[in-house]
C-alpha atoms as a PDB file:
ATOM      1  CA  MET A   1     -89.559  -5.767  13.344  1.00  0.00           C
ATOM      2  CA  GLY A   2     -86.038  -7.187  13.314  1.00  0.00           C
ATOM      3  CA  GLU A   3     -83.785  -7.434  10.257  1.00  0.00           C
ATOM      4  CA  GLY A   4     -84.366 -11.196   9.986  1.00  0.00           C
ATOM      5  CA  ASP A   5     -88.127 -10.694  10.100  1.00  0.00           C
ATOM      6  CA  ARG A   6     -87.959  -8.051   7.359  1.00  0.00           C
ATOM      7  CA  THR A   7     -85.846 -10.342   5.197  1.00  0.00           C
ATOM      8  CA  LEU A   8     -88.260 -13.226   5.698  1.00  0.00           C
ATOM      9  CA  ARG A   9     -91.203 -10.947   4.901  1.00  0.00           C
ATOM     10  CA  ASP A  10     -89.473  -9.751   1.726  1.00  0.00           C
ATOM     11  CA  HIS A  11     -88.721 -13.324   0.637  1.00  0.00           C
ATOM     12  CA  VAL A  12     -92.298 -14.469   1.228  1.00  0.00           C
ATOM     13  CA  ALA A  13     -93.566 -11.403  -0.624  1.00  0.00           C
ATOM     14  CA  LEU A  14     -91.284 -12.112  -3.595  1.00  0.00           C
ATOM     15  CA  VAL A  15     -92.511 -15.698  -3.941  1.00  0.00           C
ATOM     16  CA  THR A  16     -96.197 -14.857  -3.493  1.00  0.00           C
ATOM     17  CA  HIS A  17     -95.910 -11.954  -5.952  1.00  0.00           C
ATOM     18  CA  ALA A  18     -94.321 -14.298  -8.507  1.00  0.00           C
ATOM     19  CA  ALA A  19     -97.051 -16.901  -7.942  1.00  0.00           C
ATOM     20  CA  GLY A  20     -99.830 -14.364  -8.406  1.00  0.00           C
ATOM     21  CA  PHE A  21     -98.191 -12.913 -11.504  1.00  0.00           C
ATOM     22  CA  ALA A  22     -97.737 -16.376 -13.031  1.00  0.00           C
ATOM     23  CA  ILE A  23    -101.365 -17.283 -12.319  1.00  0.00           C
ATOM     24  CA  ARG A  24    -102.541 -14.176 -14.177  1.00  0.00           C
ATOM     25  CA  CYS A  25    -100.102 -14.661 -17.080  1.00  0.00           C
ATOM     26  CA  HIS A  26    -100.942 -18.321 -17.643  1.00  0.00           C
ATOM     27  CA  ASP A  27    -104.700 -17.981 -17.067  1.00  0.00           C
ATOM     28  CA  GLY A  28    -106.561 -20.373 -19.360  1.00  0.00           C
ATOM     29  CA  GLN A  29    -103.462 -22.268 -20.495  1.00  0.00           C
ATOM     30  CA  LYS A  30    -103.549 -26.066 -20.290  1.00  0.00           C
ATOM     31  CA  ARG A  31    -100.912 -28.768 -19.950  1.00  0.00           C
ATOM     32  CA  LYS A  32    -100.281 -31.200 -22.819  1.00  0.00           C
ATOM     33  CA  GLY A  33    -101.734 -34.148 -20.886  1.00  0.00           C
ATOM     34  CA  ALA A  34    -104.949 -35.776 -22.051  1.00  0.00           C
ATOM     35  CA  SER A  35    -106.901 -34.410 -19.065  1.00  0.00           C
ATOM     36  CA  GLY A  36    -105.999 -30.800 -19.930  1.00  0.00           C
ATOM     37  CA  GLN A  37    -105.017 -29.753 -16.411  1.00  0.00           C
ATOM     38  CA  ALA A  38    -104.396 -26.072 -15.772  1.00  0.00           C
ATOM     39  CA  PHE A  39    -100.839 -25.119 -16.732  1.00  0.00           C
ATOM     40  CA  ILE A  40    -100.320 -23.304 -13.444  1.00  0.00           C
ATOM     41  CA  LEU A  41    -100.264 -26.664 -11.644  1.00  0.00           C
ATOM     42  CA  HIS A  42     -96.941 -27.412 -13.354  1.00  0.00           C
ATOM     43  CA  LEU A  43     -95.450 -24.141 -12.116  1.00  0.00           C
ATOM     44  CA  ALA A  44     -96.715 -24.788  -8.605  1.00  0.00           C
ATOM     45  CA  GLU A  45     -95.165 -28.264  -8.656  1.00  0.00           C
ATOM     46  CA  VAL A  46     -91.775 -26.989  -9.846  1.00  0.00           C
ATOM     47  CA  ALA A  47     -91.758 -24.267  -7.171  1.00  0.00           C
ATOM     48  CA  ASP A  48     -92.781 -26.787  -4.512  1.00  0.00           C
ATOM     49  CA  LEU A  49     -90.081 -29.260  -5.565  1.00  0.00           C
ATOM     50  CA  LEU A  50     -87.399 -26.601  -5.214  1.00  0.00           C
ATOM     51  CA  ALA A  51     -88.732 -25.131  -1.974  1.00  0.00           C
ATOM     52  CA  LYS A  52     -88.706 -28.549  -0.328  1.00  0.00           C
ATOM     53  CA  ALA A  53     -85.421 -29.863  -1.770  1.00  0.00           C
ATOM     54  CA  LEU A  54     -83.125 -26.912  -1.104  1.00  0.00           C
ATOM     55  CA  ASP A  55     -80.891 -27.081   1.948  1.00  0.00           C
ATOM     56  CA  GLU A  56     -81.085 -23.297   2.326  1.00  0.00           C
ATOM     57  CA  PRO A  57     -84.161 -21.245   1.402  1.00  0.00           C
ATOM     58  CA  ASP A  58     -83.734 -19.430  -1.917  1.00  0.00           C
ATOM     59  CA  ALA A  59     -86.658 -17.105  -2.555  1.00  0.00           C
ATOM     60  CA  PRO A  60     -85.393 -15.813  -5.934  1.00  0.00           C
ATOM     61  CA  LEU A  61     -85.034 -19.394  -7.206  1.00  0.00           C
ATOM     62  CA  VAL A  62     -88.530 -20.373  -6.020  1.00  0.00           C
ATOM     63  CA  ALA A  63     -89.917 -17.158  -7.537  1.00  0.00           C
ATOM     64  CA  ALA A  64     -88.147 -18.005 -10.815  1.00  0.00           C
ATOM     65  CA  ALA A  65     -89.777 -21.454 -10.696  1.00  0.00           C
ATOM     66  CA  TRP A  66     -93.176 -19.772 -10.738  1.00  0.00           C
ATOM     67  CA  LEU A  67     -92.061 -17.579 -13.651  1.00  0.00           C
ATOM     68  CA  HIS A  68     -89.880 -19.952 -15.667  1.00  0.00           C
ATOM     69  CA  ASP A  69     -92.333 -20.368 -18.566  1.00  0.00           C
ATOM     70  CA  VAL A  70     -93.711 -16.820 -18.699  1.00  0.00           C
ATOM     71  CA  VAL A  71     -91.334 -15.578 -21.402  1.00  0.00           C
ATOM     72  CA  GLU A  72     -91.830 -18.688 -23.557  1.00  0.00           C
ATOM     73  CA  LYS A  73     -95.589 -19.062 -23.243  1.00  0.00           C
ATOM     74  CA  THR A  74     -96.949 -15.510 -22.893  1.00  0.00           C
ATOM     75  CA  GLN A  75     -96.335 -12.028 -24.295  1.00  0.00           C
ATOM     76  CA  ILE A  76     -94.353 -10.989 -21.199  1.00  0.00           C
ATOM     77  CA  GLU A  77     -90.768  -9.989 -21.926  1.00  0.00           C
ATOM     78  CA  LEU A  78     -87.713 -10.501 -19.769  1.00  0.00           C
ATOM     79  CA  ALA A  79     -87.384  -6.759 -19.115  1.00  0.00           C
ATOM     80  CA  GLU A  80     -90.746  -6.786 -17.342  1.00  0.00           C
ATOM     81  CA  ILE A  81     -89.691  -9.754 -15.211  1.00  0.00           C
ATOM     82  CA  GLU A  82     -86.544  -7.869 -14.225  1.00  0.00           C
ATOM     83  CA  SER A  83     -88.493  -4.697 -13.448  1.00  0.00           C
ATOM     84  CA  LEU A  84     -90.990  -6.520 -11.247  1.00  0.00           C
ATOM     85  CA  PHE A  85     -88.831  -9.213  -9.630  1.00  0.00           C
ATOM     86  CA  GLY A  86     -85.213  -8.102  -9.868  1.00  0.00           C
ATOM     87  CA  THR A  87     -82.083  -9.116 -11.717  1.00  0.00           C
ATOM     88  CA  LYS A  88     -81.504 -12.464 -10.000  1.00  0.00           C
ATOM     89  CA  VAL A  89     -84.996 -13.792 -10.781  1.00  0.00           C
ATOM     90  CA  ALA A  90     -84.864 -12.444 -14.347  1.00  0.00           C
ATOM     91  CA  SER A  91     -81.437 -13.987 -14.901  1.00  0.00           C
ATOM     92  CA  LEU A  92     -82.687 -17.421 -13.811  1.00  0.00           C
ATOM     93  CA  VAL A  93     -85.753 -17.132 -16.050  1.00  0.00           C
ATOM     94  CA  ALA A  94     -83.524 -16.088 -18.960  1.00  0.00           C
ATOM     95  CA  GLU A  95     -81.232 -19.075 -18.442  1.00  0.00           C
ATOM     96  CA  VAL A  96     -84.095 -21.577 -18.707  1.00  0.00           C
ATOM     97  CA  SER A  97     -86.066 -19.840 -21.465  1.00  0.00           C
ATOM     98  CA  ASP A  98     -85.668 -21.387 -24.904  1.00  0.00           C
ATOM     99  CA  ASP A  99     -85.516 -19.354 -28.098  1.00  0.00           C
ATOM    100  CA  GLN A 100     -89.052 -19.873 -29.380  1.00  0.00           C
ATOM    101  CA  SER A 101     -88.054 -18.827 -32.907  1.00  0.00           C
ATOM    102  CA  GLN A 102     -86.184 -22.142 -33.225  1.00  0.00           C
ATOM    103  CA  PRO A 103     -87.879 -25.464 -34.063  1.00  0.00           C
ATOM    104  CA  GLU A 104     -88.512 -27.827 -31.143  1.00  0.00           C
ATOM    105  CA  ALA A 105     -85.716 -30.205 -32.109  1.00  0.00           C
ATOM    106  CA  GLU A 106     -83.186 -27.356 -32.090  1.00  0.00           C
ATOM    107  CA  ARG A 107     -84.471 -26.042 -28.749  1.00  0.00           C
ATOM    108  CA  HIS A 108     -84.076 -29.534 -27.265  1.00  0.00           C
ATOM    109  CA  ARG A 109     -80.569 -29.903 -28.705  1.00  0.00           C
ATOM    110  CA  MET A 110     -79.558 -26.547 -27.224  1.00  0.00           C
ATOM    111  CA  GLN A 111     -80.945 -27.461 -23.798  1.00  0.00           C
ATOM    112  CA  ILE A 112     -78.853 -30.628 -23.754  1.00  0.00           C
ATOM    113  CA  GLU A 113     -75.698 -28.964 -25.078  1.00  0.00           C
ATOM    114  CA  THR A 114     -75.773 -25.869 -22.851  1.00  0.00           C
ATOM    115  CA  ILE A 115     -77.140 -27.145 -19.535  1.00  0.00           C
ATOM    116  CA  ALA A 116     -73.705 -27.740 -18.013  1.00  0.00           C
ATOM    117  CA  GLU A 117     -72.802 -24.066 -18.669  1.00  0.00           C
ATOM    118  CA  LYS A 118     -75.789 -22.742 -16.710  1.00  0.00           C
ATOM    119  CA  SER A 119     -75.705 -21.467 -13.148  1.00  0.00           C
ATOM    120  CA  GLU A 120     -76.397 -23.885 -10.315  1.00  0.00           C
ATOM    121  CA  GLY A 121     -79.790 -22.282  -9.733  1.00  0.00           C
ATOM    122  CA  ALA A 122     -80.768 -22.657 -13.388  1.00  0.00           C
ATOM    123  CA  ARG A 123     -79.720 -26.315 -13.401  1.00  0.00           C
ATOM    124  CA  LEU A 124     -81.754 -27.006 -10.250  1.00  0.00           C
ATOM    125  CA  LEU A 125     -84.731 -25.246 -11.808  1.00  0.00           C
ATOM    126  CA  ARG A 126     -84.355 -27.191 -15.041  1.00  0.00           C
ATOM    127  CA  LEU A 127     -84.121 -30.474 -13.106  1.00  0.00           C
ATOM    128  CA  ALA A 128     -87.296 -29.703 -11.139  1.00  0.00           C
ATOM    129  CA  ASP A 129     -89.003 -28.779 -14.424  1.00  0.00           C
ATOM    130  CA  LYS A 130     -88.026 -32.141 -15.931  1.00  0.00           C
ATOM    131  CA  ILE A 131     -89.278 -34.009 -12.841  1.00  0.00           C
ATOM    132  CA  SER A 132     -92.658 -32.332 -13.202  1.00  0.00           C
ATOM    133  CA  GLY A 133     -92.771 -33.069 -16.924  1.00  0.00           C
ATOM    134  CA  LEU A 134     -91.944 -36.748 -16.431  1.00  0.00           C
ATOM    135  CA  ARG A 135     -94.562 -37.079 -13.709  1.00  0.00           C
ATOM    136  CA  GLU A 136     -97.125 -35.756 -16.158  1.00  0.00           C
ATOM    137  CA  LEU A 137     -95.827 -38.103 -18.864  1.00  0.00           C
ATOM    138  CA  ALA A 138     -96.302 -41.060 -16.499  1.00  0.00           C
ATOM    139  CA  GLU A 139     -99.713 -40.070 -15.137  1.00  0.00           C
ATOM    140  CA  ASP A 140    -101.377 -38.090 -17.929  1.00  0.00           C
ATOM    141  CA  PRO A 141     -99.589 -38.366 -21.292  1.00  0.00           C
ATOM    142  CA  PRO A 142    -100.884 -36.335 -24.232  1.00  0.00           C
ATOM    143  CA  ALA A 143    -103.703 -38.212 -25.948  1.00  0.00           C
ATOM    144  CA  ASP A 144    -102.085 -37.851 -29.382  1.00  0.00           C
ATOM    145  CA  TRP A 145     -98.623 -39.131 -28.338  1.00  0.00           C
ATOM    146  CA  ASP A 146     -97.688 -42.716 -29.059  1.00  0.00           C
ATOM    147  CA  ALA A 147     -95.141 -44.735 -27.066  1.00  0.00           C
ATOM    148  CA  ALA A 148     -92.292 -43.726 -29.387  1.00  0.00           C
ATOM    149  CA  ARG A 149     -92.933 -40.013 -28.856  1.00  0.00           C
ATOM    150  CA  CYS A 150     -93.170 -40.549 -25.100  1.00  0.00           C
ATOM    151  CA  ARG A 151     -89.853 -42.452 -25.168  1.00  0.00           C
ATOM    152  CA  GLU A 152     -88.247 -39.546 -27.036  1.00  0.00           C
ATOM    153  CA  ARG A 153     -89.465 -37.126 -24.362  1.00  0.00           C
ATOM    154  CA  LEU A 154     -88.146 -39.388 -21.601  1.00  0.00           C
ATOM    155  CA  GLN A 155     -84.746 -39.591 -23.312  1.00  0.00           C
ATOM    156  CA  PHE A 156     -84.647 -35.824 -23.790  1.00  0.00           C
ATOM    157  CA  ALA A 157     -85.446 -35.227 -20.112  1.00  0.00           C
ATOM    158  CA  SER A 158     -82.779 -37.751 -19.091  1.00  0.00           C
ATOM    159  CA  ASP A 159     -80.173 -36.117 -21.341  1.00  0.00           C
ATOM    160  CA  VAL A 160     -80.875 -32.682 -19.840  1.00  0.00           C
ATOM    161  CA  ALA A 161     -80.932 -34.073 -16.298  1.00  0.00           C
ATOM    162  CA  ALA A 162     -77.485 -35.603 -16.814  1.00  0.00           C
ATOM    163  CA  GLY A 163     -76.088 -32.070 -16.847  1.00  0.00           C
ATOM    164  CA  CYS A 164     -77.893 -31.206 -13.606  1.00  0.00           C
ATOM    165  CA  ARG A 165     -76.906 -34.170 -11.456  1.00  0.00           C
ATOM    166  CA  GLY A 166     -74.883 -33.924  -8.298  1.00  0.00           C
ATOM    167  CA  LEU A 167     -76.212 -30.560  -7.155  1.00  0.00           C
ATOM    168  CA  ASN A 168     -79.061 -31.820  -4.995  1.00  0.00           C
ATOM    169  CA  GLY A 169     -79.461 -35.447  -3.906  1.00  0.00           C
ATOM    170  CA  ALA A 170     -83.172 -35.096  -3.202  1.00  0.00           C
ATOM    171  CA  LEU A 171     -83.900 -33.779  -6.703  1.00  0.00           C
ATOM    172  CA  ASP A 172     -81.645 -36.438  -8.266  1.00  0.00           C
ATOM    173  CA  LEU A 173     -83.669 -39.127  -6.483  1.00  0.00           C
ATOM    174  CA  LEU A 174     -87.002 -37.565  -7.453  1.00  0.00           C
ATOM    175  CA  PHE A 175     -85.851 -37.416 -11.068  1.00  0.00           C
ATOM    176  CA  ASP A 176     -84.893 -41.104 -11.012  1.00  0.00           C
ATOM    177  CA  GLN A 177     -88.292 -41.986  -9.545  1.00  0.00           C
ATOM    178  CA  ALA A 178     -90.141 -39.884 -12.131  1.00  0.00           C
ATOM    179  CA  ALA A 179     -88.099 -41.368 -14.985  1.00  0.00           C
ATOM    180  CA  ALA A 180     -88.789 -44.916 -13.768  1.00  0.00           C
ATOM    181  CA  ALA A 181     -92.522 -44.193 -13.488  1.00  0.00           C
ATOM    182  CA  ALA A 182     -92.551 -42.684 -16.983  1.00  0.00           C
ATOM    183  CA  ALA A 183     -90.704 -45.718 -18.376  1.00  0.00           C
ATOM    184  CA  ARG A 184     -93.234 -48.087 -16.761  1.00  0.00           C
ATOM    185  CA  SER A 185     -96.115 -46.049 -18.170  1.00  0.00           C
ATOM    186  CA  ILE A 186     -94.585 -46.106 -21.656  1.00  0.00           C
ATOM    187  CA  ASP A 187     -94.044 -49.872 -21.415  1.00  0.00           C
ATOM    188  CA  GLU A 188     -97.706 -50.295 -20.471  1.00  0.00           C
ATOM    189  CA  MET A 189     -98.717 -48.062 -23.366  1.00  0.00           C
ATOM    190  CA  SER A 190     -96.626 -50.213 -25.754  1.00  0.00           C
ATOM    191  CA  ALA A 191     -98.223 -53.405 -24.428  1.00  0.00           C
ATOM    192  CA  THR A 192    -101.774 -52.088 -24.873  1.00  0.00           C
ATOM    193  CA  PRO A 193    -103.203 -52.624 -28.379  1.00  0.00           C
ATOM    194  CA  ALA A 194    -104.239 -49.410 -30.118  1.00  0.00           C
ATOM    195  CA  SER A 195    -107.985 -48.957 -30.263  1.00  0.00           C
END
């Protein structure tokens, strides 16, 4: 087996290991949408967005996409991510993990204020995460969210995305499409009388 083949094998192994680990960690978790889709579908979408949009393959970034919510939404700590997946993956996960001890409004404020300071990989990951979130907002909003709350989430995503623009044209375009679809969905929600 040549050096290139070994490298490719190692990269594929890293991504599939991260996917399997994420599936086990997030087992039983649901998205916020009214249909209650499995949370893992969000992680798969974020990883897929990055894998397809990158000009050069980046296995640690795609692995981090699978793992980006593990620290926030499970009992797994960053040290375990580093032990299993290496420093680069753990660093990316750390950059996009919010401090869960803070209230949501503070976490959102910090995301907006600090996104421009993050590494390029973390900003690409955050942008893909926001694309996935806006797609869900457009197609399957939480049942208990009104149009105003959905608008707030759209604005938050747009504010974070502003600090991620210019790194990847394909992701910028996908974000714009997702934001437009979310806006249309919110407008339709506003026009529909509450039952």
